[in-house]
Amino acid sequence: MIIGGVIALCVLLLILAFLAPRLSRGPQRGVAKGFGLGSRGASKAPGKAGGWLQKPFNKSMKATDNSAATGRDARSKLPF
């Protein structure tokens, strides 16, 4: 269920970045803020568990950032 949500966010950011590159920065920052909040909360777990628990949030944030960047790159390569 969570994986599906992250995939949906990636697709949404990809489409938004392709259609409106400048307007996609705000939603991208909002998604990053949400994942960053989860990552910071998970990192407070004791010992190595903190590193392990924050890893999915960091990976998800990286995936959404790459998706938005890919959309912007694709838009910039269009001939018009």
C-alpha atoms as a PDB file:
ATOM      1  CA  MET A   1       0.000   0.000   0.000  1.00  0.00           C
ATOM      2  CA  ILE A   2       2.758   2.448   0.928  1.00  0.00           C
ATOM      3  CA  ILE A   3       4.827   1.446  -2.095  1.00  0.00           C
ATOM      4  CA  GLY A   4       1.834   2.172  -4.300  1.00  0.00           C
ATOM      5  CA  GLY A   5       1.501   5.612  -2.728  1.00  0.00           C
ATOM      6  CA  VAL A   6       5.147   6.429  -3.392  1.00  0.00           C
ATOM      7  CA  ILE A   7       4.786   5.244  -6.990  1.00  0.00           C
ATOM      8  CA  ALA A   8       1.664   7.394  -7.399  1.00  0.00           C
ATOM      9  CA  LEU A   9       3.550  10.421  -6.040  1.00  0.00           C
ATOM     10  CA  CYS A  10       6.413   9.756  -8.454  1.00  0.00           C
ATOM     11  CA  VAL A  11       4.066   9.553 -11.434  1.00  0.00           C
ATOM     12  CA  LEU A  12       2.174  12.664 -10.323  1.00  0.00           C
ATOM     13  CA  LEU A  13       5.387  14.673  -9.920  1.00  0.00           C
ATOM     14  CA  LEU A  14       6.687  13.384 -13.261  1.00  0.00           C
ATOM     15  CA  ILE A  15       3.555  14.528 -15.090  1.00  0.00           C
ATOM     16  CA  LEU A  16       3.409  17.835 -13.236  1.00  0.00           C
ATOM     17  CA  ALA A  17       7.100  18.543 -13.909  1.00  0.00           C
ATOM     18  CA  PHE A  18       6.583  17.777 -17.594  1.00  0.00           C
ATOM     19  CA  LEU A  19       3.525  20.005 -17.940  1.00  0.00           C
ATOM     20  CA  ALA A  20       4.578  22.887 -15.660  1.00  0.00           C
ATOM     21  CA  PRO A  21       8.270  22.712 -14.707  1.00  0.00           C
ATOM     22  CA  ARG A  22       8.331  25.830 -12.540  1.00  0.00           C
ATOM     23  CA  LEU A  23       5.086  25.054 -10.762  1.00  0.00           C
ATOM     24  CA  SER A  24       6.269  21.547  -9.898  1.00  0.00           C
ATOM     25  CA  ARG A  25       8.914  22.830  -7.452  1.00  0.00           C
ATOM     26  CA  GLY A  26       6.363  23.570  -4.706  1.00  0.00           C
ATOM     27  CA  PRO A  27       4.757  20.127  -4.640  1.00  0.00           C
ATOM     28  CA  GLN A  28       8.200  18.545  -4.844  1.00  0.00           C
ATOM     29  CA  ARG A  29       9.299  20.517  -1.776  1.00  0.00           C
ATOM     30  CA  GLY A  30       6.100  19.531   0.026  1.00  0.00           C
ATOM     31  CA  VAL A  31       6.699  15.838  -0.634  1.00  0.00           C
ATOM     32  CA  ALA A  32      10.324  16.190   0.456  1.00  0.00           C
ATOM     33  CA  LYS A  33       9.191  17.931   3.646  1.00  0.00           C
ATOM     34  CA  GLY A  34       6.841  15.065   4.457  1.00  0.00           C
ATOM     35  CA  PHE A  35       9.449  12.400   3.870  1.00  0.00           C
ATOM     36  CA  GLY A  36      12.026  14.459   5.746  1.00  0.00           C
ATOM     37  CA  LEU A  37       9.717  14.679   8.735  1.00  0.00           C
ATOM     38  CA  GLY A  38       9.266  10.902   8.715  1.00  0.00           C
ATOM     39  CA  SER A  39      12.987  10.382   8.330  1.00  0.00           C
ATOM     40  CA  ARG A  40      13.814  12.653  11.250  1.00  0.00           C
ATOM     41  CA  GLY A  41      11.235  10.934  13.427  1.00  0.00           C
ATOM     42  CA  ALA A  42      12.492   7.467  12.530  1.00  0.00           C
ATOM     43  CA  SER A  43      16.117   8.420  13.125  1.00  0.00           C
ATOM     44  CA  LYS A  44      15.379   8.947  16.815  1.00  0.00           C
ATOM     45  CA  ALA A  45      14.984   5.204  17.330  1.00  0.00           C
ATOM     46  CA  PRO A  46      17.772   3.765  19.477  1.00  0.00           C
ATOM     47  CA  GLY A  47      20.880   2.187  17.994  1.00  0.00           C
ATOM     48  CA  LYS A  48      21.076   0.894  14.452  1.00  0.00           C
ATOM     49  CA  ALA A  49      17.299   0.726  14.252  1.00  0.00           C
ATOM     50  CA  GLY A  50      17.240   4.493  13.695  1.00  0.00           C
ATOM     51  CA  GLY A  51      19.338   4.173  10.562  1.00  0.00           C
ATOM     52  CA  TRP A  52      17.305   1.271   9.296  1.00  0.00           C
ATOM     53  CA  LEU A  53      13.971   2.961   9.920  1.00  0.00           C
ATOM     54  CA  GLN A  54      14.896   6.215   8.192  1.00  0.00           C
ATOM     55  CA  LYS A  55      16.215   4.481   5.074  1.00  0.00           C
ATOM     56  CA  PRO A  56      12.806   3.955   3.379  1.00  0.00           C
ATOM     57  CA  PHE A  57      11.970   7.643   3.801  1.00  0.00           C
ATOM     58  CA  ASN A  58      15.284   8.712   2.287  1.00  0.00           C
ATOM     59  CA  LYS A  59      14.909   6.299  -0.633  1.00  0.00           C
ATOM     60  CA  SER A  60      11.358   7.517  -1.284  1.00  0.00           C
ATOM     61  CA  MET A  61      12.459  11.151  -1.206  1.00  0.00           C
ATOM     62  CA  LYS A  62      15.260  10.381  -3.651  1.00  0.00           C
ATOM     63  CA  ALA A  63      12.832   8.565  -5.976  1.00  0.00           C
ATOM     64  CA  THR A  64      10.349  11.450  -6.043  1.00  0.00           C
ATOM     65  CA  ASP A  65      13.140  13.993  -6.631  1.00  0.00           C
ATOM     66  CA  ASN A  66      14.511  11.937  -9.518  1.00  0.00           C
ATOM     67  CA  SER A  67      11.040  11.581 -10.993  1.00  0.00           C
ATOM     68  CA  ALA A  68      10.439  15.330 -10.975  1.00  0.00           C
ATOM     69  CA  ALA A  69      13.906  16.000 -12.402  1.00  0.00           C
ATOM     70  CA  THR A  70      13.249  13.505 -15.193  1.00  0.00           C
ATOM     71  CA  GLY A  71      10.010  15.279 -16.084  1.00  0.00           C
ATOM     72  CA  ARG A  72      11.778  18.632 -16.252  1.00  0.00           C
ATOM     73  CA  ASP A  73      14.601  17.187 -18.351  1.00  0.00           C
ATOM     74  CA  ALA A  74      12.138  15.625 -20.791  1.00  0.00           C
ATOM     75  CA  ARG A  75      10.324  18.937 -21.126  1.00  0.00           C
ATOM     76  CA  SER A  76      13.549  20.816 -21.808  1.00  0.00           C
ATOM     77  CA  LYS A  77      14.444  18.440 -24.646  1.00  0.00           C
ATOM     78  CA  LEU A  78      11.237  19.135 -26.569  1.00  0.00           C
ATOM     79  CA  PRO A  79      11.774  21.008 -29.842  1.00  0.00           C
ATOM     80  CA  PHE A  80       9.301  23.790 -28.999  1.00  0.00           C
END
